[in-house]
Amino acid sequence: AVTLDIGGAYLNADMIEEVLMLISKELADILVKSNPQFKPYQREDGTIIVRLDKALYGCVESGKLWNMKITKQLISMGYKQNAYEECVF
């Protein structure tokens, strides 16, 4: 049996639904200072709202999204999913 641990796996899963995240004023200030193109997106209270394109650790959907992505890839490579344990190929 082969076991894999893929570092940063959740960060590779694409979001399916729209998820918005509020960036605090302090972090938004740093972002704007490092790249002024973000200034127009800064709100009156100094925060910035962003839409996530990729899953992050801590998102409820992250594990499921990563599982869907890796399952699709493994099946396309000819692996067969175990009927009793869906995480086993």
PDB file of N, CA and C in Angstrom:
ATOM      1  N   ALA A   1       0.839  -1.184   0.000  1.00  0.00           N
ATOM      2  CA  ALA A   1       0.000   0.000   0.000  1.00  0.00           C
ATOM      3  C   ALA A   1       0.882   1.245   0.000  1.00  0.00           C
ATOM      4  N   VAL A   2       0.425   2.248  -0.691  1.00  0.00           N
ATOM      5  CA  VAL A   2       1.142   3.512  -0.772  1.00  0.00           C
ATOM      6  C   VAL A   2       0.286   4.602  -0.133  1.00  0.00           C
ATOM      7  N   THR A   3       0.900   5.402   0.718  1.00  0.00           N
ATOM      8  CA  THR A   3       0.215   6.516   1.360  1.00  0.00           C
ATOM      9  C   THR A   3       0.910   7.803   0.966  1.00  0.00           C
ATOM     10  N   LEU A   4       0.145   8.824   0.625  1.00  0.00           N
ATOM     11  CA  LEU A   4       0.709  10.116   0.244  1.00  0.00           C
ATOM     12  C   LEU A   4       0.214  11.206   1.178  1.00  0.00           C
ATOM     13  N   ASP A   5       1.100  12.126   1.494  1.00  0.00           N
ATOM     14  CA  ASP A   5       0.714  13.324   2.233  1.00  0.00           C
ATOM     15  C   ASP A   5       1.137  14.503   1.366  1.00  0.00           C
ATOM     16  N   ILE A   6       0.179  15.219   0.838  1.00  0.00           N
ATOM     17  CA  ILE A   6       0.460  16.306  -0.091  1.00  0.00           C
ATOM     18  C   ILE A   6       0.368  17.624   0.663  1.00  0.00           C
ATOM     19  N   GLY A   7       1.509  18.252   0.868  1.00  0.00           N
ATOM     20  CA  GLY A   7       1.554  19.525   1.579  1.00  0.00           C
ATOM     21  C   GLY A   7       0.831  20.615   0.806  1.00  0.00           C
ATOM     22  N   GLY A   8       0.022  21.383   1.485  1.00  0.00           N
ATOM     23  CA  GLY A   8      -0.707  22.474   0.832  1.00  0.00           C
ATOM     24  C   GLY A   8      -1.806  22.003  -0.094  1.00  0.00           C
ATOM     25  N   ALA A   9      -2.260  20.768   0.081  1.00  0.00           N
ATOM     26  CA  ALA A   9      -3.267  20.209  -0.823  1.00  0.00           C
ATOM     27  C   ALA A   9      -4.529  21.061  -0.886  1.00  0.00           C
ATOM     28  N   TYR A  10      -5.008  21.499   0.263  1.00  0.00           N
ATOM     29  CA  TYR A  10      -6.248  22.281   0.290  1.00  0.00           C
ATOM     30  C   TYR A  10      -6.118  23.566  -0.523  1.00  0.00           C
ATOM     31  N   LEU A  11      -4.904  24.082  -0.633  1.00  0.00           N
ATOM     32  CA  LEU A  11      -4.692  25.341  -1.340  1.00  0.00           C
ATOM     33  C   LEU A  11      -4.813  25.180  -2.849  1.00  0.00           C
ATOM     34  N   ASN A  12      -4.910  23.947  -3.335  1.00  0.00           N
ATOM     35  CA  ASN A  12      -5.018  23.693  -4.766  1.00  0.00           C
ATOM     36  C   ASN A  12      -6.443  23.449  -5.242  1.00  0.00           C
ATOM     37  N   ALA A  13      -7.387  23.416  -4.333  1.00  0.00           N
ATOM     38  CA  ALA A  13      -8.775  23.138  -4.699  1.00  0.00           C
ATOM     39  C   ALA A  13      -9.491  24.425  -5.109  1.00  0.00           C
ATOM     40  N   ASP A  14     -10.156  24.372  -6.242  1.00  0.00           N
ATOM     41  CA  ASP A  14     -10.914  25.524  -6.733  1.00  0.00           C
ATOM     42  C   ASP A  14     -12.225  25.642  -5.971  1.00  0.00           C
ATOM     43  N   MET A  15     -12.618  26.865  -5.669  1.00  0.00           N
ATOM     44  CA  MET A  15     -13.896  27.106  -5.000  1.00  0.00           C
ATOM     45  C   MET A  15     -15.017  26.906  -6.017  1.00  0.00           C
ATOM     46  N   ILE A  16     -16.103  26.298  -5.594  1.00  0.00           N
ATOM     47  CA  ILE A  16     -17.260  26.089  -6.462  1.00  0.00           C
ATOM     48  C   ILE A  16     -18.275  27.204  -6.249  1.00  0.00           C
ATOM     49  N   GLU A  17     -18.530  27.522  -5.002  1.00  0.00           N
ATOM     50  CA  GLU A  17     -19.474  28.583  -4.672  1.00  0.00           C
ATOM     51  C   GLU A  17     -18.705  29.864  -4.369  1.00  0.00           C
ATOM     52  N   GLU A  18     -19.392  30.987  -4.465  1.00  0.00           N
ATOM     53  CA  GLU A  18     -18.749  32.253  -4.153  1.00  0.00           C
ATOM     54  C   GLU A  18     -18.567  32.383  -2.641  1.00  0.00           C
ATOM     55  N   VAL A  19     -17.325  32.591  -2.224  1.00  0.00           N
ATOM     56  CA  VAL A  19     -17.008  32.792  -0.814  1.00  0.00           C
ATOM     57  C   VAL A  19     -16.241  34.101  -0.710  1.00  0.00           C
ATOM     58  N   LEU A  20     -16.751  34.993   0.140  1.00  0.00           N
ATOM     59  CA  LEU A  20     -16.121  36.299   0.342  1.00  0.00           C
ATOM     60  C   LEU A  20     -15.401  36.306   1.683  1.00  0.00           C
ATOM     61  N   MET A  21     -14.282  37.036   1.738  1.00  0.00           N
ATOM     62  CA  MET A  21     -13.505  37.121   2.958  1.00  0.00           C
ATOM     63  C   MET A  21     -13.191  38.586   3.247  1.00  0.00           C
ATOM     64  N   LEU A  22     -13.340  38.977   4.487  1.00  0.00           N
ATOM     65  CA  LEU A  22     -13.045  40.344   4.906  1.00  0.00           C
ATOM     66  C   LEU A  22     -11.598  40.401   5.386  1.00  0.00           C
ATOM     67  N   ILE A  23     -10.815  41.275   4.774  1.00  0.00           N
ATOM     68  CA  ILE A  23      -9.432  41.488   5.192  1.00  0.00           C
ATOM     69  C   ILE A  23      -9.423  42.676   6.141  1.00  0.00           C
ATOM     70  N   SER A  24      -8.843  42.488   7.303  1.00  0.00           N
ATOM     71  CA  SER A  24      -8.819  43.538   8.328  1.00  0.00           C
ATOM     72  C   SER A  24      -8.117  44.800   7.821  1.00  0.00           C
ATOM     73  N   LYS A  25      -8.398  45.912   8.464  1.00  0.00           N
ATOM     74  CA  LYS A  25      -7.803  47.187   8.094  1.00  0.00           C
ATOM     75  C   LYS A  25      -6.280  47.110   8.144  1.00  0.00           C
ATOM     76  N   GLU A  26      -5.751  46.489   9.184  1.00  0.00           N
ATOM     77  CA  GLU A  26      -4.297  46.402   9.344  1.00  0.00           C
ATOM     78  C   GLU A  26      -3.658  45.634   8.185  1.00  0.00           C
ATOM     79  N   LEU A  27      -4.232  44.511   7.839  1.00  0.00           N
ATOM     80  CA  LEU A  27      -3.696  43.716   6.736  1.00  0.00           C
ATOM     81  C   LEU A  27      -3.935  44.413   5.396  1.00  0.00           C
ATOM     82  N   ALA A  28      -5.097  45.059   5.251  1.00  0.00           N
ATOM     83  CA  ALA A  28      -5.403  45.793   4.021  1.00  0.00           C
ATOM     84  C   ALA A  28      -4.412  46.940   3.821  1.00  0.00           C
ATOM     85  N   ASP A  29      -4.052  47.636   4.907  1.00  0.00           N
ATOM     86  CA  ASP A  29      -3.067  48.716   4.813  1.00  0.00           C
ATOM     87  C   ASP A  29      -1.725  48.198   4.306  1.00  0.00           C
ATOM     88  N   ILE A  30      -1.304  47.048   4.812  1.00  0.00           N
ATOM     89  CA  ILE A  30      -0.051  46.434   4.365  1.00  0.00           C
ATOM     90  C   ILE A  30      -0.146  46.055   2.888  1.00  0.00           C
ATOM     91  N   LEU A  31      -1.277  45.481   2.502  1.00  0.00           N
ATOM     92  CA  LEU A  31      -1.490  45.083   1.107  1.00  0.00           C
ATOM     93  C   LEU A  31      -1.431  46.287   0.171  1.00  0.00           C
ATOM     94  N   VAL A  32      -2.110  47.366   0.541  1.00  0.00           N
ATOM     95  CA  VAL A  32      -2.133  48.576  -0.282  1.00  0.00           C
ATOM     96  C   VAL A  32      -0.745  49.216  -0.342  1.00  0.00           C
ATOM     97  N   LYS A  33      -0.045  49.188   0.774  1.00  0.00           N
ATOM     98  CA  LYS A  33       1.308  49.767   0.813  1.00  0.00           C
ATOM     99  C   LYS A  33       2.261  48.990  -0.091  1.00  0.00           C
ATOM    100  N   SER A  34       2.125  47.670  -0.126  1.00  0.00           N
ATOM    101  CA  SER A  34       3.010  46.849  -0.953  1.00  0.00           C
ATOM    102  C   SER A  34       2.607  46.867  -2.427  1.00  0.00           C
ATOM    103  N   ASN A  35       1.318  47.155  -2.690  1.00  0.00           N
ATOM    104  CA  ASN A  35       0.845  47.185  -4.072  1.00  0.00           C
ATOM    105  C   ASN A  35      -0.321  48.176  -4.175  1.00  0.00           C
ATOM    106  N   PRO A  36      -0.040  49.422  -4.560  1.00  0.00           N
ATOM    107  CA  PRO A  36      -1.058  50.474  -4.588  1.00  0.00           C
ATOM    108  C   PRO A  36      -2.272  50.194  -5.479  1.00  0.00           C
ATOM    109  N   GLN A  37      -2.192  49.206  -6.367  1.00  0.00           N
ATOM    110  CA  GLN A  37      -3.342  48.917  -7.235  1.00  0.00           C
ATOM    111  C   GLN A  37      -4.555  48.431  -6.436  1.00  0.00           C
ATOM    112  N   PHE A  38      -4.345  48.036  -5.193  1.00  0.00           N
ATOM    113  CA  PHE A  38      -5.455  47.578  -4.348  1.00  0.00           C
ATOM    114  C   PHE A  38      -6.182  48.722  -3.651  1.00  0.00           C
ATOM    115  N   LYS A  39      -5.642  49.918  -3.695  1.00  0.00           N
ATOM    116  CA  LYS A  39      -6.224  51.071  -3.001  1.00  0.00           C
ATOM    117  C   LYS A  39      -7.694  51.315  -3.373  1.00  0.00           C
ATOM    118  N   PRO A  40      -8.077  51.236  -4.648  1.00  0.00           N
ATOM    119  CA  PRO A  40      -9.488  51.482  -4.994  1.00  0.00           C
ATOM    120  C   PRO A  40     -10.464  50.495  -4.353  1.00  0.00           C
ATOM    121  N   TYR A  41      -9.972  49.345  -3.928  1.00  0.00           N
ATOM    122  CA  TYR A  41     -10.843  48.326  -3.333  1.00  0.00           C
ATOM    123  C   TYR A  41     -10.982  48.493  -1.825  1.00  0.00           C
ATOM    124  N   GLN A  42     -10.189  49.388  -1.228  1.00  0.00           N
ATOM    125  CA  GLN A  42     -10.248  49.588   0.209  1.00  0.00           C
ATOM    126  C   GLN A  42     -11.515  50.371   0.553  1.00  0.00           C
ATOM    127  N   ARG A  43     -12.281  49.851   1.493  1.00  0.00           N
ATOM    128  CA  ARG A  43     -13.546  50.468   1.894  1.00  0.00           C
ATOM    129  C   ARG A  43     -13.294  51.626   2.858  1.00  0.00           C
ATOM    130  N   GLU A  44     -14.346  52.358   3.166  1.00  0.00           N
ATOM    131  CA  GLU A  44     -14.232  53.524   4.054  1.00  0.00           C
ATOM    132  C   GLU A  44     -13.625  53.173   5.413  1.00  0.00           C
ATOM    133  N   ASP A  45     -13.944  51.962   5.923  1.00  0.00           N
ATOM    134  CA  ASP A  45     -13.407  51.564   7.226  1.00  0.00           C
ATOM    135  C   ASP A  45     -11.998  50.982   7.130  1.00  0.00           C
ATOM    136  N   GLY A  46     -11.428  50.967   5.911  1.00  0.00           N
ATOM    137  CA  GLY A  46     -10.059  50.499   5.710  1.00  0.00           C
ATOM    138  C   GLY A  46      -9.932  49.031   5.367  1.00  0.00           C
ATOM    139  N   THR A  47     -11.027  48.285   5.462  1.00  0.00           N
ATOM    140  CA  THR A  47     -10.986  46.857   5.150  1.00  0.00           C
ATOM    141  C   THR A  47     -11.121  46.638   3.644  1.00  0.00           C
ATOM    142  N   ILE A  48     -10.850  45.431   3.214  1.00  0.00           N
ATOM    143  CA  ILE A  48     -11.036  45.031   1.814  1.00  0.00           C
ATOM    144  C   ILE A  48     -11.791  43.707   1.825  1.00  0.00           C
ATOM    145  N   ILE A  49     -12.768  43.571   0.946  1.00  0.00           N
ATOM    146  CA  ILE A  49     -13.480  42.307   0.784  1.00  0.00           C
ATOM    147  C   ILE A  49     -12.951  41.645  -0.480  1.00  0.00           C
ATOM    148  N   VAL A  50     -12.564  40.375  -0.357  1.00  0.00           N
ATOM    149  CA  VAL A  50     -12.039  39.636  -1.501  1.00  0.00           C
ATOM    150  C   VAL A  50     -12.873  38.385  -1.739  1.00  0.00           C
ATOM    151  N   ARG A  51     -12.867  37.923  -2.968  1.00  0.00           N
ATOM    152  CA  ARG A  51     -13.535  36.672  -3.330  1.00  0.00           C
ATOM    153  C   ARG A  51     -12.460  35.606  -3.452  1.00  0.00           C
ATOM    154  N   LEU A  52     -12.666  34.479  -2.806  1.00  0.00           N
ATOM    155  CA  LEU A  52     -11.686  33.403  -2.856  1.00  0.00           C
ATOM    156  C   LEU A  52     -11.857  32.595  -4.136  1.00  0.00           C
ATOM    157  N   ASP A  53     -10.764  32.412  -4.878  1.00  0.00           N
ATOM    158  CA  ASP A  53     -10.764  31.540  -6.051  1.00  0.00           C
ATOM    159  C   ASP A  53     -10.316  30.137  -5.676  1.00  0.00           C
ATOM    160  N   LYS A  54      -9.479  30.049  -4.651  1.00  0.00           N
ATOM    161  CA  LYS A  54      -8.954  28.771  -4.174  1.00  0.00           C
ATOM    162  C   LYS A  54      -9.331  28.599  -2.712  1.00  0.00           C
ATOM    163  N   ALA A  55      -9.461  27.345  -2.297  1.00  0.00           N
ATOM    164  CA  ALA A  55      -9.805  27.050  -0.913  1.00  0.00           C
ATOM    165  C   ALA A  55      -8.636  27.396   0.005  1.00  0.00           C
ATOM    166  N   LEU A  56      -8.948  27.718   1.239  1.00  0.00           N
ATOM    167  CA  LEU A  56      -7.949  28.000   2.266  1.00  0.00           C
ATOM    168  C   LEU A  56      -8.142  27.042   3.426  1.00  0.00           C
ATOM    169  N   TYR A  57      -7.055  26.804   4.173  1.00  0.00           N
ATOM    170  CA  TYR A  57      -7.225  26.055   5.411  1.00  0.00           C
ATOM    171  C   TYR A  57      -8.201  26.819   6.281  1.00  0.00           C
ATOM    172  N   GLY A  58      -9.098  26.117   6.898  1.00  0.00           N
ATOM    173  CA  GLY A  58     -10.080  26.759   7.750  1.00  0.00           C
ATOM    174  C   GLY A  58     -11.432  26.929   7.073  1.00  0.00           C
ATOM    175  N   CYS A  59     -11.477  26.899   5.742  1.00  0.00           N
ATOM    176  CA  CYS A  59     -12.764  26.959   5.048  1.00  0.00           C
ATOM    177  C   CYS A  59     -13.473  25.617   5.234  1.00  0.00           C
ATOM    178  N   VAL A  60     -14.741  25.675   5.517  1.00  0.00           N
ATOM    179  CA  VAL A  60     -15.522  24.461   5.732  1.00  0.00           C
ATOM    180  C   VAL A  60     -15.450  23.547   4.502  1.00  0.00           C
ATOM    181  N   GLU A  61     -15.426  24.147   3.320  1.00  0.00           N
ATOM    182  CA  GLU A  61     -15.478  23.380   2.073  1.00  0.00           C
ATOM    183  C   GLU A  61     -14.143  22.784   1.649  1.00  0.00           C
ATOM    184  N   SER A  62     -13.038  23.192   2.232  1.00  0.00           N
ATOM    185  CA  SER A  62     -11.700  22.844   1.739  1.00  0.00           C
ATOM    186  C   SER A  62     -11.470  21.356   1.557  1.00  0.00           C
ATOM    187  N   GLY A  63     -11.776  20.568   2.575  1.00  0.00           N
ATOM    188  CA  GLY A  63     -11.546  19.127   2.489  1.00  0.00           C
ATOM    189  C   GLY A  63     -12.340  18.477   1.380  1.00  0.00           C
ATOM    190  N   LYS A  64     -13.608  18.826   1.289  1.00  0.00           N
ATOM    191  CA  LYS A  64     -14.472  18.249   0.257  1.00  0.00           C
ATOM    192  C   LYS A  64     -14.010  18.664  -1.141  1.00  0.00           C
ATOM    193  N   LEU A  65     -13.653  19.933  -1.307  1.00  0.00           N
ATOM    194  CA  LEU A  65     -13.201  20.412  -2.621  1.00  0.00           C
ATOM    195  C   LEU A  65     -11.923  19.708  -3.055  1.00  0.00           C
ATOM    196  N   TRP A  66     -10.986  19.546  -2.120  1.00  0.00           N
ATOM    197  CA  TRP A  66      -9.741  18.852  -2.456  1.00  0.00           C
ATOM    198  C   TRP A  66     -10.037  17.394  -2.811  1.00  0.00           C
ATOM    199  N   ASN A  67     -10.906  16.737  -2.054  1.00  0.00           N
ATOM    200  CA  ASN A  67     -11.246  15.345  -2.345  1.00  0.00           C
ATOM    201  C   ASN A  67     -11.876  15.215  -3.731  1.00  0.00           C
ATOM    202  N   MET A  68     -12.760  16.142  -4.086  1.00  0.00           N
ATOM    203  CA  MET A  68     -13.381  16.102  -5.415  1.00  0.00           C
ATOM    204  C   MET A  68     -12.335  16.267  -6.512  1.00  0.00           C
ATOM    205  N   LYS A  69     -11.380  17.166  -6.302  1.00  0.00           N
ATOM    206  CA  LYS A  69     -10.355  17.426  -7.317  1.00  0.00           C
ATOM    207  C   LYS A  69      -9.424  16.222  -7.490  1.00  0.00           C
ATOM    208  N   ILE A  70      -8.930  15.668  -6.391  1.00  0.00           N
ATOM    209  CA  ILE A  70      -7.995  14.543  -6.493  1.00  0.00           C
ATOM    210  C   ILE A  70      -8.699  13.284  -7.000  1.00  0.00           C
ATOM    211  N   THR A  71      -9.971  13.095  -6.613  1.00  0.00           N
ATOM    212  CA  THR A  71     -10.733  11.939  -7.098  1.00  0.00           C
ATOM    213  C   THR A  71     -10.886  12.003  -8.612  1.00  0.00           C
ATOM    214  N   LYS A  72     -11.259  13.161  -9.129  1.00  0.00           N
ATOM    215  CA  LYS A  72     -11.415  13.338 -10.583  1.00  0.00           C
ATOM    216  C   LYS A  72     -10.099  13.041 -11.298  1.00  0.00           C
ATOM    217  N   GLN A  73      -8.991  13.546 -10.751  1.00  0.00           N
ATOM    218  CA  GLN A  73      -7.685  13.325 -11.378  1.00  0.00           C
ATOM    219  C   GLN A  73      -7.289  11.853 -11.355  1.00  0.00           C
ATOM    220  N   LEU A  74      -7.447  11.197 -10.211  1.00  0.00           N
ATOM    221  CA  LEU A  74      -7.060   9.788 -10.109  1.00  0.00           C
ATOM    222  C   LEU A  74      -7.899   8.906 -11.028  1.00  0.00           C
ATOM    223  N   ILE A  75      -9.199   9.170 -11.115  1.00  0.00           N
ATOM    224  CA  ILE A  75     -10.065   8.394 -12.009  1.00  0.00           C
ATOM    225  C   ILE A  75      -9.653   8.614 -13.461  1.00  0.00           C
ATOM    226  N   SER A  76      -9.292   9.844 -13.825  1.00  0.00           N
ATOM    227  CA  SER A  76      -8.853  10.121 -15.202  1.00  0.00           C
ATOM    228  C   SER A  76      -7.534   9.409 -15.530  1.00  0.00           C
ATOM    229  N   MET A  77      -6.769   9.050 -14.502  1.00  0.00           N
ATOM    230  CA  MET A  77      -5.506   8.333 -14.700  1.00  0.00           C
ATOM    231  C   MET A  77      -5.706   6.819 -14.694  1.00  0.00           C
ATOM    232  N   GLY A  78      -6.962   6.377 -14.541  1.00  0.00           N
ATOM    233  CA  GLY A  78      -7.258   4.954 -14.610  1.00  0.00           C
ATOM    234  C   GLY A  78      -7.422   4.265 -13.266  1.00  0.00           C
ATOM    235  N   TYR A  79      -7.286   4.991 -12.175  1.00  0.00           N
ATOM    236  CA  TYR A  79      -7.489   4.391 -10.859  1.00  0.00           C
ATOM    237  C   TYR A  79      -8.976   4.157 -10.634  1.00  0.00           C
ATOM    238  N   LYS A  80      -9.287   3.139  -9.860  1.00  0.00           N
ATOM    239  CA  LYS A  80     -10.675   2.828  -9.529  1.00  0.00           C
ATOM    240  C   LYS A  80     -10.893   3.113  -8.042  1.00  0.00           C
ATOM    241  N   GLN A  81     -12.012   3.768  -7.761  1.00  0.00           N
ATOM    242  CA  GLN A  81     -12.344   4.144  -6.386  1.00  0.00           C
ATOM    243  C   GLN A  81     -12.986   2.965  -5.675  1.00  0.00           C
ATOM    244  N   ASN A  82     -12.556   2.683  -4.463  1.00  0.00           N
ATOM    245  CA  ASN A  82     -13.108   1.611  -3.659  1.00  0.00           C
ATOM    246  C   ASN A  82     -14.566   1.933  -3.322  1.00  0.00           C
ATOM    247  N   ALA A  83     -15.454   0.977  -3.535  1.00  0.00           N
ATOM    248  CA  ALA A  83     -16.886   1.193  -3.313  1.00  0.00           C
ATOM    249  C   ALA A  83     -17.229   1.370  -1.841  1.00  0.00           C
ATOM    250  N   TYR A  84     -16.416   0.814  -0.956  1.00  0.00           N
ATOM    251  CA  TYR A  84     -16.721   0.855   0.469  1.00  0.00           C
ATOM    252  C   TYR A  84     -15.989   1.970   1.199  1.00  0.00           C
ATOM    253  N   GLU A  85     -14.860   2.383   0.680  1.00  0.00           N
ATOM    254  CA  GLU A  85     -14.055   3.444   1.304  1.00  0.00           C
ATOM    255  C   GLU A  85     -13.614   4.388   0.190  1.00  0.00           C
ATOM    256  N   GLU A  86     -14.327   5.490   0.041  1.00  0.00           N
ATOM    257  CA  GLU A  86     -14.146   6.384  -1.109  1.00  0.00           C
ATOM    258  C   GLU A  86     -12.775   7.069  -1.163  1.00  0.00           C
ATOM    259  N   CYS A  87     -12.043   7.054  -0.066  1.00  0.00           N
ATOM    260  CA  CYS A  87     -10.706   7.666  -0.053  1.00  0.00           C
ATOM    261  C   CYS A  87      -9.623   6.687  -0.474  1.00  0.00           C
ATOM    262  N   VAL A  88     -10.013   5.462  -0.790  1.00  0.00           N
ATOM    263  CA  VAL A  88      -9.056   4.432  -1.194  1.00  0.00           C
ATOM    264  C   VAL A  88      -9.218   4.159  -2.681  1.00  0.00           C
ATOM    265  N   PHE A  89      -8.096   4.137  -3.394  1.00  0.00           N
ATOM    266  CA  PHE A  89      -8.101   3.873  -4.841  1.00  0.00           C
ATOM    267  C   PHE A  89      -7.232   2.679  -5.142  1.00  0.00           C
TER     268      PHE A  89
END
